[in-house]
Amino acid sequence: MNGASREALAAARERLDALTDNTSVDAAKLAEELAAVTGLLDREVSLRRVLTDPAQAGEAKAELAGRLLAGQVGGETADLVTGMVRSRWSRSRDLVDAIEELASTAELIAAQRSGALDDVEDELFRFGRIVASSPELRAALAERGTEARAKAELLRRLLGGRANPVTERLVVRLVTHPRGRSLDGGLDALSKLAADRRDRLVAVVTSAVPLSDEQKRRLGDGLARLYGRQMHLNLDVDPAVLGGIQVRIGEEVINGTIADRLDEVSRRMAG
């Protein structure tokens, strides 16, 4: 993507991250609904042109999208999509590509939350190797005359019980709705999204009360410097923490009061 579309996609990624910071948001459901919106806009060319028409006011486009999605998807999905149509897009297709990327990313967030992101990344790679080594399988999955339902059933027989459900859903969507991409190209794009997601450490932060913006900034900056990696905070509130904070990064769990932990981070940064 270029120009306006690149900026709009970057903003949409930030909104998705902010939304899924709330661990009560069902990332898998969000992914399913975003994928459904992708399918709708991919089919309805005139609709996506209206929603990306630079001559129309952003609020008017958002209102139209909101009316179309009302009752069809959850509030989180509707908010994401209406926010996206408020932005400017260089091409109408870029909006659909961006929503599809967010759907895939939401699936990867679901895997990340369950500690399965490494498995998903590995399974995507291994599935690509299997397809590359089997011309018959590649032909069956790429055959245009084969119904999507039949391809999905073939994939479920191949992957069901052998791969993470996130991997299975990602591959089934790619094969049944390729949107002009080759299977290899689609798998490469999914693997890159998984690798990009994995490169960022995730800290699950549970506190007795919501953290202030300043506390979140200080904690995120301090942990990023300590671990030498970009740090993403998944925030949750649990009164049982009794005025303190718990930070979980992978298998490591750090307990302490907010003030003590922030002070410790600062001292270690300085030392």
C-alpha atoms as a PDB file:
ATOM      1  CA  MET A   1       0.000   0.000   0.000  1.00  0.00           C
ATOM      2  CA  ASN A   2       1.101   3.552  -0.668  1.00  0.00           C
ATOM      3  CA  GLY A   3       0.340   7.024   0.597  1.00  0.00           C
ATOM      4  CA  ALA A   4      -2.981   7.452   2.303  1.00  0.00           C
ATOM      5  CA  SER A   5      -3.671   3.715   2.453  1.00  0.00           C
ATOM      6  CA  ARG A   6      -0.444   3.026   4.312  1.00  0.00           C
ATOM      7  CA  GLU A   7      -1.294   5.660   6.914  1.00  0.00           C
ATOM      8  CA  ALA A   8      -4.862   4.384   7.244  1.00  0.00           C
ATOM      9  CA  LEU A   9      -3.665   0.808   7.743  1.00  0.00           C
ATOM     10  CA  ALA A  10      -1.152   1.894  10.392  1.00  0.00           C
ATOM     11  CA  ALA A  11      -3.932   3.680  12.278  1.00  0.00           C
ATOM     12  CA  ALA A  12      -6.196   0.619  11.999  1.00  0.00           C
ATOM     13  CA  ARG A  13      -3.465  -1.629  13.397  1.00  0.00           C
ATOM     14  CA  GLU A  14      -3.103   0.685  16.384  1.00  0.00           C
ATOM     15  CA  ARG A  15      -6.855   0.625  16.984  1.00  0.00           C
ATOM     16  CA  LEU A  16      -6.883  -3.173  16.843  1.00  0.00           C
ATOM     17  CA  ASP A  17      -4.034  -3.358  19.356  1.00  0.00           C
ATOM     18  CA  ALA A  18      -5.785  -0.900  21.650  1.00  0.00           C
ATOM     19  CA  LEU A  19      -9.031  -2.863  21.422  1.00  0.00           C
ATOM     20  CA  THR A  20      -7.414  -6.228  22.114  1.00  0.00           C
ATOM     21  CA  ASP A  21      -5.485  -4.816  25.076  1.00  0.00           C
ATOM     22  CA  ASN A  22      -8.741  -5.602  26.847  1.00  0.00           C
ATOM     23  CA  THR A  23      -8.448  -9.324  27.468  1.00  0.00           C
ATOM     24  CA  SER A  24     -12.235  -9.624  27.714  1.00  0.00           C
ATOM     25  CA  VAL A  25     -12.482  -8.992  23.961  1.00  0.00           C
ATOM     26  CA  ASP A  26     -12.891 -12.302  22.106  1.00  0.00           C
ATOM     27  CA  ALA A  27     -10.138 -12.052  19.500  1.00  0.00           C
ATOM     28  CA  ALA A  28     -11.258 -15.184  17.630  1.00  0.00           C
ATOM     29  CA  LYS A  29     -14.811 -13.854  17.294  1.00  0.00           C
ATOM     30  CA  LEU A  30     -13.434 -10.495  16.193  1.00  0.00           C
ATOM     31  CA  ALA A  31     -11.392 -12.279  13.513  1.00  0.00           C
ATOM     32  CA  GLU A  32     -14.432 -14.207  12.276  1.00  0.00           C
ATOM     33  CA  GLU A  33     -16.529 -11.062  11.984  1.00  0.00           C
ATOM     34  CA  LEU A  34     -13.770  -9.078  10.253  1.00  0.00           C
ATOM     35  CA  ALA A  35     -13.370 -11.948   7.792  1.00  0.00           C
ATOM     36  CA  ALA A  36     -17.111 -11.792   7.092  1.00  0.00           C
ATOM     37  CA  VAL A  37     -16.858  -8.045   6.406  1.00  0.00           C
ATOM     38  CA  THR A  38     -13.926  -8.746   4.098  1.00  0.00           C
ATOM     39  CA  GLY A  39     -16.063 -11.190   2.121  1.00  0.00           C
ATOM     40  CA  LEU A  40     -18.937  -8.713   1.905  1.00  0.00           C
ATOM     41  CA  LEU A  41     -16.802  -5.854   0.588  1.00  0.00           C
ATOM     42  CA  ASP A  42     -14.913  -8.166  -1.760  1.00  0.00           C
ATOM     43  CA  ARG A  43     -18.210  -9.170  -3.382  1.00  0.00           C
ATOM     44  CA  GLU A  44     -19.877  -5.752  -3.346  1.00  0.00           C
ATOM     45  CA  VAL A  45     -17.584  -3.620  -5.489  1.00  0.00           C
ATOM     46  CA  SER A  46     -19.960  -0.656  -5.624  1.00  0.00           C
ATOM     47  CA  LEU A  47     -20.281  -0.625  -1.823  1.00  0.00           C
ATOM     48  CA  ARG A  48     -16.561  -0.542  -1.186  1.00  0.00           C
ATOM     49  CA  ARG A  49     -16.208   2.247  -3.738  1.00  0.00           C
ATOM     50  CA  VAL A  50     -18.792   4.287  -1.864  1.00  0.00           C
ATOM     51  CA  LEU A  51     -17.038   3.612   1.455  1.00  0.00           C
ATOM     52  CA  THR A  52     -13.691   4.784   0.063  1.00  0.00           C
ATOM     53  CA  ASP A  53     -14.935   7.681  -2.057  1.00  0.00           C
ATOM     54  CA  PRO A  54     -12.692  10.657  -1.176  1.00  0.00           C
ATOM     55  CA  ALA A  55     -15.464  13.052  -2.224  1.00  0.00           C
ATOM     56  CA  GLN A  56     -17.691  11.801   0.615  1.00  0.00           C
ATOM     57  CA  ALA A  57     -17.326  12.974   4.211  1.00  0.00           C
ATOM     58  CA  GLY A  58     -15.763  10.450   6.557  1.00  0.00           C
ATOM     59  CA  GLU A  59     -18.617  10.655   9.036  1.00  0.00           C
ATOM     60  CA  ALA A  60     -21.179   9.996   6.319  1.00  0.00           C
ATOM     61  CA  LYS A  61     -19.284   6.889   5.211  1.00  0.00           C
ATOM     62  CA  ALA A  62     -18.913   5.710   8.808  1.00  0.00           C
ATOM     63  CA  GLU A  63     -22.648   6.176   9.379  1.00  0.00           C
ATOM     64  CA  LEU A  64     -23.443   4.114   6.277  1.00  0.00           C
ATOM     65  CA  ALA A  65     -21.086   1.328   7.378  1.00  0.00           C
ATOM     66  CA  GLY A  66     -22.581   1.397  10.850  1.00  0.00           C
ATOM     67  CA  ARG A  67     -26.114   0.972   9.495  1.00  0.00           C
ATOM     68  CA  LEU A  68     -25.058  -1.922   7.278  1.00  0.00           C
ATOM     69  CA  LEU A  69     -23.263  -3.752  10.078  1.00  0.00           C
ATOM     70  CA  ALA A  70     -25.765  -3.105  12.860  1.00  0.00           C
ATOM     71  CA  GLY A  71     -26.999  -6.402  14.216  1.00  0.00           C
ATOM     72  CA  GLN A  72     -24.683  -8.347  11.911  1.00  0.00           C
ATOM     73  CA  VAL A  73     -21.436  -8.055  13.886  1.00  0.00           C
ATOM     74  CA  GLY A  74     -20.444  -7.102  17.422  1.00  0.00           C
ATOM     75  CA  GLY A  75     -19.794  -3.570  18.563  1.00  0.00           C
ATOM     76  CA  GLU A  76     -16.005  -3.973  18.545  1.00  0.00           C
ATOM     77  CA  THR A  77     -15.992  -5.070  14.902  1.00  0.00           C
ATOM     78  CA  ALA A  78     -18.382  -2.297  13.882  1.00  0.00           C
ATOM     79  CA  ASP A  79     -16.231   0.295  15.653  1.00  0.00           C
ATOM     80  CA  LEU A  80     -13.086  -0.924  13.900  1.00  0.00           C
ATOM     81  CA  VAL A  81     -14.664  -0.914  10.449  1.00  0.00           C
ATOM     82  CA  THR A  82     -16.391   2.447  10.826  1.00  0.00           C
ATOM     83  CA  GLY A  83     -13.104   3.912  12.026  1.00  0.00           C
ATOM     84  CA  MET A  84     -11.400   2.544   8.938  1.00  0.00           C
ATOM     85  CA  VAL A  85     -13.911   3.993   6.485  1.00  0.00           C
ATOM     86  CA  ARG A  86     -13.425   7.418   8.060  1.00  0.00           C
ATOM     87  CA  SER A  87      -9.823   7.257   6.807  1.00  0.00           C
ATOM     88  CA  ARG A  88      -8.677   8.018   3.272  1.00  0.00           C
ATOM     89  CA  TRP A  89      -7.661   5.105   1.046  1.00  0.00           C
ATOM     90  CA  SER A  90      -5.648   5.306  -2.155  1.00  0.00           C
ATOM     91  CA  ARG A  91      -7.642   2.461  -3.720  1.00  0.00           C
ATOM     92  CA  SER A  92     -10.959   0.922  -2.727  1.00  0.00           C
ATOM     93  CA  ARG A  93      -9.380  -2.543  -2.688  1.00  0.00           C
ATOM     94  CA  ASP A  94      -6.865  -1.385  -0.075  1.00  0.00           C
ATOM     95  CA  LEU A  95      -9.675  -1.082   2.478  1.00  0.00           C
ATOM     96  CA  VAL A  96     -10.654  -4.722   1.929  1.00  0.00           C
ATOM     97  CA  ASP A  97      -7.024  -5.869   2.100  1.00  0.00           C
ATOM     98  CA  ALA A  98      -6.601  -3.976   5.369  1.00  0.00           C
ATOM     99  CA  ILE A  99      -9.718  -5.478   6.971  1.00  0.00           C
ATOM    100  CA  GLU A 100      -8.535  -8.931   5.923  1.00  0.00           C
ATOM    101  CA  GLU A 101      -5.133  -8.281   7.499  1.00  0.00           C
ATOM    102  CA  LEU A 102      -6.803  -7.229  10.737  1.00  0.00           C
ATOM    103  CA  ALA A 103      -8.854 -10.441  10.693  1.00  0.00           C
ATOM    104  CA  SER A 104      -5.682 -12.510  10.400  1.00  0.00           C
ATOM    105  CA  THR A 105      -3.942 -10.445  13.056  1.00  0.00           C
ATOM    106  CA  ALA A 106      -6.859 -10.936  15.438  1.00  0.00           C
ATOM    107  CA  GLU A 107      -6.489 -14.695  14.972  1.00  0.00           C
ATOM    108  CA  LEU A 108      -2.790 -14.414  15.800  1.00  0.00           C
ATOM    109  CA  ILE A 109      -3.621 -12.365  18.894  1.00  0.00           C
ATOM    110  CA  ALA A 110      -5.905 -15.210  19.989  1.00  0.00           C
ATOM    111  CA  ALA A 111      -3.002 -17.622  19.523  1.00  0.00           C
ATOM    112  CA  GLN A 112      -0.653 -15.291  21.365  1.00  0.00           C
ATOM    113  CA  ARG A 113      -2.984 -15.079  24.343  1.00  0.00           C
ATOM    114  CA  SER A 114      -3.051 -18.869  24.636  1.00  0.00           C
ATOM    115  CA  GLY A 115       0.729 -19.175  24.267  1.00  0.00           C
ATOM    116  CA  ALA A 116       0.386 -20.891  20.884  1.00  0.00           C
ATOM    117  CA  LEU A 117       1.779 -18.231  18.536  1.00  0.00           C
ATOM    118  CA  ASP A 118       5.079 -20.058  17.993  1.00  0.00           C
ATOM    119  CA  ASP A 119       3.146 -23.234  17.148  1.00  0.00           C
ATOM    120  CA  VAL A 120       0.957 -21.389  14.655  1.00  0.00           C
ATOM    121  CA  GLU A 121       3.946 -19.817  12.954  1.00  0.00           C
ATOM    122  CA  ASP A 122       5.662 -23.201  12.711  1.00  0.00           C
ATOM    123  CA  GLU A 123       2.513 -24.908  11.428  1.00  0.00           C
ATOM    124  CA  LEU A 124       1.999 -22.307   8.707  1.00  0.00           C
ATOM    125  CA  PHE A 125       5.561 -22.868   7.550  1.00  0.00           C
ATOM    126  CA  ARG A 126       5.251 -26.660   7.628  1.00  0.00           C
ATOM    127  CA  PHE A 127       1.932 -26.587   5.774  1.00  0.00           C
ATOM    128  CA  GLY A 128       3.579 -24.496   3.081  1.00  0.00           C
ATOM    129  CA  ARG A 129       6.344 -27.107   2.787  1.00  0.00           C
ATOM    130  CA  ILE A 130       3.773 -29.907   2.539  1.00  0.00           C
ATOM    131  CA  VAL A 131       1.916 -28.108  -0.252  1.00  0.00           C
ATOM    132  CA  ALA A 132       5.176 -27.368  -2.062  1.00  0.00           C
ATOM    133  CA  SER A 133       6.123 -31.063  -2.002  1.00  0.00           C
ATOM    134  CA  SER A 134       2.734 -32.328  -3.227  1.00  0.00           C
ATOM    135  CA  PRO A 135       1.621 -31.174  -6.699  1.00  0.00           C
ATOM    136  CA  GLU A 136      -1.623 -33.139  -6.271  1.00  0.00           C
ATOM    137  CA  LEU A 137      -2.527 -31.333  -3.053  1.00  0.00           C
ATOM    138  CA  ARG A 138      -1.583 -27.958  -4.523  1.00  0.00           C
ATOM    139  CA  ALA A 139      -3.774 -28.631  -7.556  1.00  0.00           C
ATOM    140  CA  ALA A 140      -6.719 -29.712  -5.394  1.00  0.00           C
ATOM    141  CA  LEU A 141      -6.521 -26.606  -3.245  1.00  0.00           C
ATOM    142  CA  ALA A 142      -6.026 -24.228  -6.171  1.00  0.00           C
ATOM    143  CA  GLU A 143      -8.625 -25.756  -8.512  1.00  0.00           C
ATOM    144  CA  ARG A 144     -11.082 -23.003  -9.422  1.00  0.00           C
ATOM    145  CA  GLY A 145     -13.865 -25.413 -10.276  1.00  0.00           C
ATOM    146  CA  THR A 146     -13.885 -26.991  -6.819  1.00  0.00           C
ATOM    147  CA  GLU A 147     -16.416 -25.600  -4.367  1.00  0.00           C
ATOM    148  CA  ALA A 148     -15.075 -23.756  -1.348  1.00  0.00           C
ATOM    149  CA  ARG A 149     -16.955 -26.164   0.920  1.00  0.00           C
ATOM    150  CA  ALA A 150     -15.116 -29.153  -0.550  1.00  0.00           C
ATOM    151  CA  LYS A 151     -11.745 -27.446  -0.128  1.00  0.00           C
ATOM    152  CA  ALA A 152     -12.557 -26.573   3.472  1.00  0.00           C
ATOM    153  CA  GLU A 153     -13.497 -30.180   4.190  1.00  0.00           C
ATOM    154  CA  LEU A 154     -10.239 -31.408   2.641  1.00  0.00           C
ATOM    155  CA  LEU A 155      -8.256 -29.018   4.814  1.00  0.00           C
ATOM    156  CA  ARG A 156     -10.131 -30.043   7.950  1.00  0.00           C
ATOM    157  CA  ARG A 157      -9.292 -33.693   7.230  1.00  0.00           C
ATOM    158  CA  LEU A 158      -5.642 -32.727   6.789  1.00  0.00           C
ATOM    159  CA  LEU A 159      -5.331 -30.331   9.723  1.00  0.00           C
ATOM    160  CA  GLY A 160      -8.127 -31.209  12.132  1.00  0.00           C
ATOM    161  CA  GLY A 161      -6.636 -32.435  15.403  1.00  0.00           C
ATOM    162  CA  ARG A 162      -3.119 -32.025  14.049  1.00  0.00           C
ATOM    163  CA  ALA A 163      -2.804 -28.238  13.989  1.00  0.00           C
ATOM    164  CA  ASN A 164      -3.838 -25.408  16.260  1.00  0.00           C
ATOM    165  CA  PRO A 165      -7.414 -24.221  15.529  1.00  0.00           C
ATOM    166  CA  VAL A 166      -6.027 -20.776  14.652  1.00  0.00           C
ATOM    167  CA  THR A 167      -3.780 -22.320  11.991  1.00  0.00           C
ATOM    168  CA  GLU A 168      -6.711 -24.267  10.596  1.00  0.00           C
ATOM    169  CA  ARG A 169      -8.966 -21.207  10.410  1.00  0.00           C
ATOM    170  CA  LEU A 170      -6.277 -19.085   8.747  1.00  0.00           C
ATOM    171  CA  VAL A 171      -5.505 -21.708   6.119  1.00  0.00           C
ATOM    172  CA  VAL A 172      -9.173 -22.468   5.397  1.00  0.00           C
ATOM    173  CA  ARG A 173      -9.919 -18.768   4.859  1.00  0.00           C
ATOM    174  CA  LEU A 174      -6.907 -18.373   2.594  1.00  0.00           C
ATOM    175  CA  VAL A 175      -7.768 -21.386   0.434  1.00  0.00           C
ATOM    176  CA  THR A 176     -11.524 -20.788   0.214  1.00  0.00           C
ATOM    177  CA  HIS A 177     -11.218 -17.011  -0.324  1.00  0.00           C
ATOM    178  CA  PRO A 178      -7.848 -16.444  -2.025  1.00  0.00           C
ATOM    179  CA  ARG A 179      -8.895 -13.052  -3.441  1.00  0.00           C
ATOM    180  CA  GLY A 180      -6.553 -13.391  -6.395  1.00  0.00           C
ATOM    181  CA  ARG A 181      -3.501 -14.492  -4.406  1.00  0.00           C
ATOM    182  CA  SER A 182      -1.483 -17.624  -4.953  1.00  0.00           C
ATOM    183  CA  LEU A 183      -1.455 -20.144  -2.127  1.00  0.00           C
ATOM    184  CA  ASP A 184       2.282 -19.606  -1.674  1.00  0.00           C
ATOM    185  CA  GLY A 185       1.888 -15.844  -1.546  1.00  0.00           C
ATOM    186  CA  GLY A 186      -0.947 -16.036   0.958  1.00  0.00           C
ATOM    187  CA  LEU A 187       0.951 -18.404   3.250  1.00  0.00           C
ATOM    188  CA  ASP A 188       4.029 -16.171   3.073  1.00  0.00           C
ATOM    189  CA  ALA A 189       1.924 -13.155   4.081  1.00  0.00           C
ATOM    190  CA  LEU A 190       0.434 -15.050   7.035  1.00  0.00           C
ATOM    191  CA  SER A 191       3.862 -16.247   8.149  1.00  0.00           C
ATOM    192  CA  LYS A 192       5.174 -12.686   8.054  1.00  0.00           C
ATOM    193  CA  LEU A 193       2.270 -11.454  10.166  1.00  0.00           C
ATOM    194  CA  ALA A 194       2.975 -14.208  12.700  1.00  0.00           C
ATOM    195  CA  ALA A 195       6.691 -13.430  12.763  1.00  0.00           C
ATOM    196  CA  ASP A 196       6.042  -9.707  13.188  1.00  0.00           C
ATOM    197  CA  ARG A 197       3.659 -10.457  16.035  1.00  0.00           C
ATOM    198  CA  ARG A 198       6.104 -12.797  17.730  1.00  0.00           C
ATOM    199  CA  ASP A 199       8.923 -10.265  17.554  1.00  0.00           C
ATOM    200  CA  ARG A 200       7.046  -8.078  19.995  1.00  0.00           C
ATOM    201  CA  LEU A 201       6.990  -9.272  23.579  1.00  0.00           C
ATOM    202  CA  VAL A 202       3.609  -9.272  25.276  1.00  0.00           C
ATOM    203  CA  ALA A 203       3.280  -8.386  28.951  1.00  0.00           C
ATOM    204  CA  VAL A 204      -0.003  -9.385  30.552  1.00  0.00           C
ATOM    205  CA  VAL A 205      -0.511  -6.762  33.255  1.00  0.00           C
ATOM    206  CA  THR A 206      -3.113  -7.355  35.972  1.00  0.00           C
ATOM    207  CA  SER A 207      -3.770  -4.536  38.402  1.00  0.00           C
ATOM    208  CA  ALA A 208      -6.302  -3.884  41.144  1.00  0.00           C
ATOM    209  CA  VAL A 209      -7.398  -0.651  39.455  1.00  0.00           C
ATOM    210  CA  PRO A 210      -6.913   0.664  35.920  1.00  0.00           C
ATOM    211  CA  LEU A 211      -3.464   2.108  35.323  1.00  0.00           C
ATOM    212  CA  SER A 212      -3.149   5.746  34.379  1.00  0.00           C
ATOM    213  CA  ASP A 213      -1.737   6.646  30.974  1.00  0.00           C
ATOM    214  CA  GLU A 214       1.479   7.758  32.665  1.00  0.00           C
ATOM    215  CA  GLN A 215       1.814   4.486  34.585  1.00  0.00           C
ATOM    216  CA  LYS A 216       1.234   2.489  31.410  1.00  0.00           C
ATOM    217  CA  ARG A 217       3.833   4.543  29.555  1.00  0.00           C
ATOM    218  CA  ARG A 218       6.432   4.215  32.312  1.00  0.00           C
ATOM    219  CA  LEU A 219       5.833   0.497  32.761  1.00  0.00           C
ATOM    220  CA  GLY A 220       5.926  -0.220  29.033  1.00  0.00           C
ATOM    221  CA  ASP A 221       9.083   1.834  28.476  1.00  0.00           C
ATOM    222  CA  GLY A 222      10.840   0.307  31.466  1.00  0.00           C
ATOM    223  CA  LEU A 223      10.019  -3.276  30.540  1.00  0.00           C
ATOM    224  CA  ALA A 224      11.029  -2.685  26.922  1.00  0.00           C
ATOM    225  CA  ARG A 225      14.445  -1.446  28.026  1.00  0.00           C
ATOM    226  CA  LEU A 226      14.885  -4.309  30.479  1.00  0.00           C
ATOM    227  CA  TYR A 227      14.061  -6.979  27.916  1.00  0.00           C
ATOM    228  CA  GLY A 228      15.564  -5.217  24.914  1.00  0.00           C
ATOM    229  CA  ARG A 229      12.411  -5.755  22.863  1.00  0.00           C
ATOM    230  CA  GLN A 230       9.334  -3.761  21.965  1.00  0.00           C
ATOM    231  CA  MET A 231       6.776  -4.406  24.678  1.00  0.00           C
ATOM    232  CA  HIS A 232       3.028  -4.688  24.196  1.00  0.00           C
ATOM    233  CA  LEU A 233       0.882  -4.429  27.338  1.00  0.00           C
ATOM    234  CA  ASN A 234      -2.279  -6.513  27.615  1.00  0.00           C
ATOM    235  CA  LEU A 235      -4.157  -4.909  30.493  1.00  0.00           C
ATOM    236  CA  ASP A 236      -6.622  -6.475  32.875  1.00  0.00           C
ATOM    237  CA  VAL A 237      -8.167  -5.394  36.165  1.00  0.00           C
ATOM    238  CA  ASP A 238      -8.634  -7.741  39.135  1.00  0.00           C
ATOM    239  CA  PRO A 239      -9.480  -6.286  42.568  1.00  0.00           C
ATOM    240  CA  ALA A 240      -7.958  -9.394  44.166  1.00  0.00           C
ATOM    241  CA  VAL A 241      -4.509  -8.016  43.377  1.00  0.00           C
ATOM    242  CA  LEU A 242      -5.082  -5.811  46.439  1.00  0.00           C
ATOM    243  CA  GLY A 243      -3.701  -2.556  45.196  1.00  0.00           C
ATOM    244  CA  GLY A 244      -0.735  -4.146  43.476  1.00  0.00           C
ATOM    245  CA  ILE A 245       0.260  -5.344  40.058  1.00  0.00           C
ATOM    246  CA  GLN A 246       1.223  -8.590  38.388  1.00  0.00           C
ATOM    247  CA  VAL A 247       3.157  -8.729  35.137  1.00  0.00           C
ATOM    248  CA  ARG A 248       3.439 -11.948  33.141  1.00  0.00           C
ATOM    249  CA  ILE A 249       5.861 -12.151  30.217  1.00  0.00           C
ATOM    250  CA  GLY A 250       5.864 -15.625  28.752  1.00  0.00           C
ATOM    251  CA  GLU A 251       6.371 -17.959  31.710  1.00  0.00           C
ATOM    252  CA  GLU A 252       7.916 -15.286  33.917  1.00  0.00           C
ATOM    253  CA  VAL A 253       5.636 -13.703  36.497  1.00  0.00           C
ATOM    254  CA  ILE A 254       6.556 -10.532  38.382  1.00  0.00           C
ATOM    255  CA  ASN A 255       4.558  -9.506  41.438  1.00  0.00           C
ATOM    256  CA  GLY A 256       4.689  -6.275  43.411  1.00  0.00           C
ATOM    257  CA  THR A 257       2.940  -3.005  44.036  1.00  0.00           C
ATOM    258  CA  ILE A 258       2.687  -0.559  41.183  1.00  0.00           C
ATOM    259  CA  ALA A 259       4.986   1.913  42.865  1.00  0.00           C
ATOM    260  CA  ASP A 260       7.563  -0.712  43.862  1.00  0.00           C
ATOM    261  CA  ARG A 261       7.627  -2.278  40.410  1.00  0.00           C
ATOM    262  CA  LEU A 262       7.933   1.031  38.592  1.00  0.00           C
ATOM    263  CA  ASP A 263      10.697   2.121  40.980  1.00  0.00           C
ATOM    264  CA  GLU A 264      12.525  -1.177  40.478  1.00  0.00           C
ATOM    265  CA  VAL A 265      12.276  -0.838  36.717  1.00  0.00           C
ATOM    266  CA  SER A 266      13.680   2.694  36.949  1.00  0.00           C
ATOM    267  CA  ARG A 267      16.575   1.575  39.171  1.00  0.00           C
ATOM    268  CA  ARG A 268      17.472  -1.300  36.868  1.00  0.00           C
ATOM    269  CA  MET A 269      17.329   1.014  33.882  1.00  0.00           C
ATOM    270  CA  ALA A 270      19.702   3.421  35.589  1.00  0.00           C
ATOM    271  CA  GLY A 271      22.045   0.697  36.821  1.00  0.00           C
END
